[in-house]
Amino acid sequence: MALHHAQHGEVVHLSGVGVDEDGAHTTALVKTGAFEAIHLIVHAGVVIPPHHVAGQATLHCLRGRVSVLL
């Protein structure tokens, strides 16, 4: 299922987003030809399945800890 991407000028409230049954929630914030910003909530103990993204990636952990396997 494709994520809804915020439109120019659209207000996105990140503090009130819910969590799916699998313990994670993804909100697409913005996407251009060269950049995409995703807000991802993952609860403790939840493992995100391996996946691949083209190009570079930046991970900004706001709370807790994360382990990345390369």
N, C-alpha and C. Protein backbone atom coordinates (compact mmCIF):
# COMPACT_ATOMS: atom_id res chain seq x y z
N MET A 1 0.84 -1.17 0.00
CA MET A 1 0.00 0.00 0.00
C MET A 1 0.89 1.24 0.00
N ALA A 2 0.59 2.19 -0.86
CA ALA A 2 1.36 3.43 -0.95
C ALA A 2 1.06 4.33 0.24
N LEU A 3 2.08 5.01 0.71
CA LEU A 3 1.91 5.95 1.82
C LEU A 3 1.38 7.27 1.30
N HIS A 4 0.53 7.94 2.09
CA HIS A 4 0.11 9.29 1.76
C HIS A 4 1.29 10.22 2.03
N HIS A 5 1.65 11.04 1.07
CA HIS A 5 2.71 12.02 1.24
C HIS A 5 2.07 13.40 1.44
N ALA A 6 2.56 14.12 2.42
CA ALA A 6 2.02 15.44 2.72
C ALA A 6 2.21 16.35 1.51
N GLN A 7 1.22 17.17 1.26
CA GLN A 7 1.27 18.12 0.16
C GLN A 7 1.86 19.44 0.65
N HIS A 8 2.32 20.27 -0.28
CA HIS A 8 2.88 21.56 0.07
C HIS A 8 1.89 22.35 0.94
N GLY A 9 2.34 22.80 2.09
CA GLY A 9 1.50 23.57 2.98
C GLY A 9 0.63 22.75 3.92
N GLU A 10 0.61 21.42 3.75
CA GLU A 10 -0.22 20.57 4.60
C GLU A 10 0.43 20.43 5.98
N VAL A 11 -0.36 20.60 7.02
CA VAL A 11 0.13 20.45 8.40
C VAL A 11 0.09 18.97 8.76
N VAL A 12 1.20 18.45 9.27
CA VAL A 12 1.28 17.05 9.67
C VAL A 12 1.53 17.01 11.17
N HIS A 13 0.61 16.44 11.93
CA HIS A 13 0.75 16.34 13.39
C HIS A 13 1.42 15.01 13.72
N LEU A 14 2.67 15.05 14.14
CA LEU A 14 3.41 13.84 14.43
C LEU A 14 3.17 13.32 15.83
N SER A 15 2.78 14.15 16.75
CA SER A 15 2.63 13.72 18.14
C SER A 15 1.43 12.82 18.36
N GLY A 16 0.45 12.88 17.49
CA GLY A 16 -0.77 12.12 17.71
C GLY A 16 -0.94 10.92 16.80
N VAL A 17 0.13 10.49 16.11
CA VAL A 17 -0.02 9.37 15.20
C VAL A 17 -0.20 8.08 15.98
N GLY A 18 -0.96 7.15 15.43
CA GLY A 18 -1.23 5.88 16.07
C GLY A 18 -0.18 4.84 15.73
N VAL A 19 -0.39 3.64 16.24
CA VAL A 19 0.53 2.54 15.99
C VAL A 19 -0.27 1.37 15.45
N ASP A 20 0.26 0.73 14.41
CA ASP A 20 -0.40 -0.42 13.80
C ASP A 20 -0.29 -1.64 14.71
N GLU A 21 -1.01 -2.71 14.33
CA GLU A 21 -0.99 -3.95 15.12
C GLU A 21 0.41 -4.55 15.24
N ASP A 22 1.27 -4.29 14.24
CA ASP A 22 2.62 -4.86 14.28
C ASP A 22 3.57 -4.06 15.16
N GLY A 23 3.09 -3.00 15.80
CA GLY A 23 3.93 -2.23 16.71
C GLY A 23 4.69 -1.11 16.06
N ALA A 24 4.39 -0.79 14.80
CA ALA A 24 5.09 0.28 14.12
C ALA A 24 4.08 1.15 13.38
N HIS A 25 4.47 2.38 13.11
CA HIS A 25 3.62 3.28 12.33
C HIS A 25 4.53 4.14 11.46
N THR A 26 4.20 4.26 10.19
CA THR A 26 4.98 5.04 9.25
C THR A 26 4.14 6.17 8.69
N THR A 27 4.71 7.37 8.68
CA THR A 27 4.08 8.52 8.06
C THR A 27 5.06 9.11 7.07
N ALA A 28 4.66 9.21 5.81
CA ALA A 28 5.50 9.84 4.79
C ALA A 28 5.35 11.35 4.91
N LEU A 29 6.44 12.04 5.14
CA LEU A 29 6.38 13.49 5.33
C LEU A 29 6.53 14.25 4.02
N VAL A 30 7.53 13.88 3.24
CA VAL A 30 7.79 14.58 1.98
C VAL A 30 8.58 13.65 1.06
N LYS A 31 8.36 13.80 -0.25
CA LYS A 31 9.13 13.01 -1.22
C LYS A 31 9.34 13.85 -2.47
N THR A 32 10.61 13.95 -2.87
CA THR A 32 10.96 14.59 -4.12
C THR A 32 11.75 13.58 -4.93
N GLY A 33 12.24 13.99 -6.08
CA GLY A 33 13.05 13.09 -6.89
C GLY A 33 14.35 12.69 -6.22
N ALA A 34 14.85 13.51 -5.29
CA ALA A 34 16.14 13.24 -4.67
C ALA A 34 16.08 13.04 -3.16
N PHE A 35 14.90 13.19 -2.55
CA PHE A 35 14.83 13.16 -1.09
C PHE A 35 13.47 12.63 -0.64
N GLU A 36 13.48 11.83 0.42
CA GLU A 36 12.24 11.37 1.03
C GLU A 36 12.43 11.36 2.54
N ALA A 37 11.48 11.93 3.28
CA ALA A 37 11.52 11.93 4.73
C ALA A 37 10.35 11.10 5.25
N ILE A 38 10.66 10.13 6.10
CA ILE A 38 9.68 9.23 6.68
C ILE A 38 9.76 9.34 8.20
N HIS A 39 8.61 9.43 8.86
CA HIS A 39 8.54 9.41 10.33
C HIS A 39 8.09 8.00 10.71
N LEU A 40 8.93 7.28 11.42
CA LEU A 40 8.65 5.88 11.76
C LEU A 40 8.68 5.71 13.26
N ILE A 41 7.59 5.18 13.82
CA ILE A 41 7.52 4.86 15.25
C ILE A 41 7.64 3.35 15.37
N VAL A 42 8.60 2.90 16.17
CA VAL A 42 8.80 1.47 16.41
C VAL A 42 8.91 1.26 17.91
N HIS A 43 8.07 0.40 18.46
CA HIS A 43 8.11 0.14 19.90
C HIS A 43 9.24 -0.82 20.25
N ALA A 44 9.67 -0.78 21.48
CA ALA A 44 10.75 -1.62 21.98
C ALA A 44 10.48 -3.09 21.65
N GLY A 45 11.50 -3.77 21.16
CA GLY A 45 11.40 -5.19 20.87
C GLY A 45 10.89 -5.52 19.48
N VAL A 46 10.37 -4.53 18.76
CA VAL A 46 9.86 -4.76 17.41
C VAL A 46 11.03 -4.76 16.43
N VAL A 47 11.04 -5.74 15.53
CA VAL A 47 12.08 -5.84 14.52
C VAL A 47 11.49 -5.47 13.17
N ILE A 48 12.13 -4.56 12.48
CA ILE A 48 11.71 -4.18 11.13
C ILE A 48 12.33 -5.18 10.15
N PRO A 49 11.54 -5.79 9.28
CA PRO A 49 12.10 -6.76 8.32
C PRO A 49 13.18 -6.11 7.45
N PRO A 50 14.19 -6.89 7.05
CA PRO A 50 15.23 -6.33 6.18
C PRO A 50 14.63 -5.76 4.90
N HIS A 51 15.17 -4.64 4.47
CA HIS A 51 14.74 -4.03 3.22
C HIS A 51 15.88 -3.20 2.66
N HIS A 52 15.71 -2.73 1.44
CA HIS A 52 16.76 -1.98 0.75
C HIS A 52 16.18 -0.67 0.24
N VAL A 53 16.95 0.39 0.35
CA VAL A 53 16.59 1.66 -0.25
C VAL A 53 17.72 2.09 -1.18
N ALA A 54 17.35 2.67 -2.31
CA ALA A 54 18.36 3.16 -3.24
C ALA A 54 18.96 4.46 -2.70
N GLY A 55 20.25 4.62 -2.85
CA GLY A 55 20.89 5.85 -2.42
C GLY A 55 21.24 5.84 -0.95
N GLN A 56 21.44 7.03 -0.42
CA GLN A 56 21.86 7.19 0.97
C GLN A 56 20.66 7.22 1.90
N ALA A 57 20.93 6.90 3.16
CA ALA A 57 19.89 6.95 4.18
C ALA A 57 20.47 7.57 5.44
N THR A 58 19.63 8.31 6.15
CA THR A 58 20.00 8.90 7.44
C THR A 58 18.99 8.42 8.46
N LEU A 59 19.47 7.96 9.59
CA LEU A 59 18.61 7.50 10.68
C LEU A 59 18.79 8.45 11.85
N HIS A 60 17.69 9.02 12.32
CA HIS A 60 17.72 9.94 13.46
C HIS A 60 16.83 9.35 14.54
N CYS A 61 17.43 8.75 15.55
CA CYS A 61 16.68 8.13 16.64
C CYS A 61 16.39 9.20 17.69
N LEU A 62 15.11 9.48 17.91
CA LEU A 62 14.73 10.54 18.84
C LEU A 62 14.65 10.07 20.28
N ARG A 63 14.36 8.78 20.47
CA ARG A 63 14.23 8.25 21.82
C ARG A 63 14.56 6.78 21.80
N GLY A 64 15.25 6.30 22.80
CA GLY A 64 15.59 4.88 22.87
C GLY A 64 16.89 4.56 22.14
N ARG A 65 17.01 3.31 21.70
CA ARG A 65 18.21 2.85 21.00
C ARG A 65 17.80 2.06 19.79
N VAL A 66 18.69 1.99 18.82
CA VAL A 66 18.42 1.23 17.59
C VAL A 66 19.69 0.50 17.19
N SER A 67 19.54 -0.70 16.67
CA SER A 67 20.67 -1.45 16.12
C SER A 67 20.43 -1.61 14.62
N VAL A 68 21.45 -1.31 13.84
CA VAL A 68 21.37 -1.43 12.39
C VAL A 68 22.37 -2.47 11.96
N LEU A 69 21.88 -3.47 11.22
CA LEU A 69 22.74 -4.51 10.68
C LEU A 69 22.96 -4.25 9.21
N LEU A 70 24.21 -4.14 8.81
CA LEU A 70 24.53 -3.87 7.41
C LEU A 70 24.97 -5.12 6.70
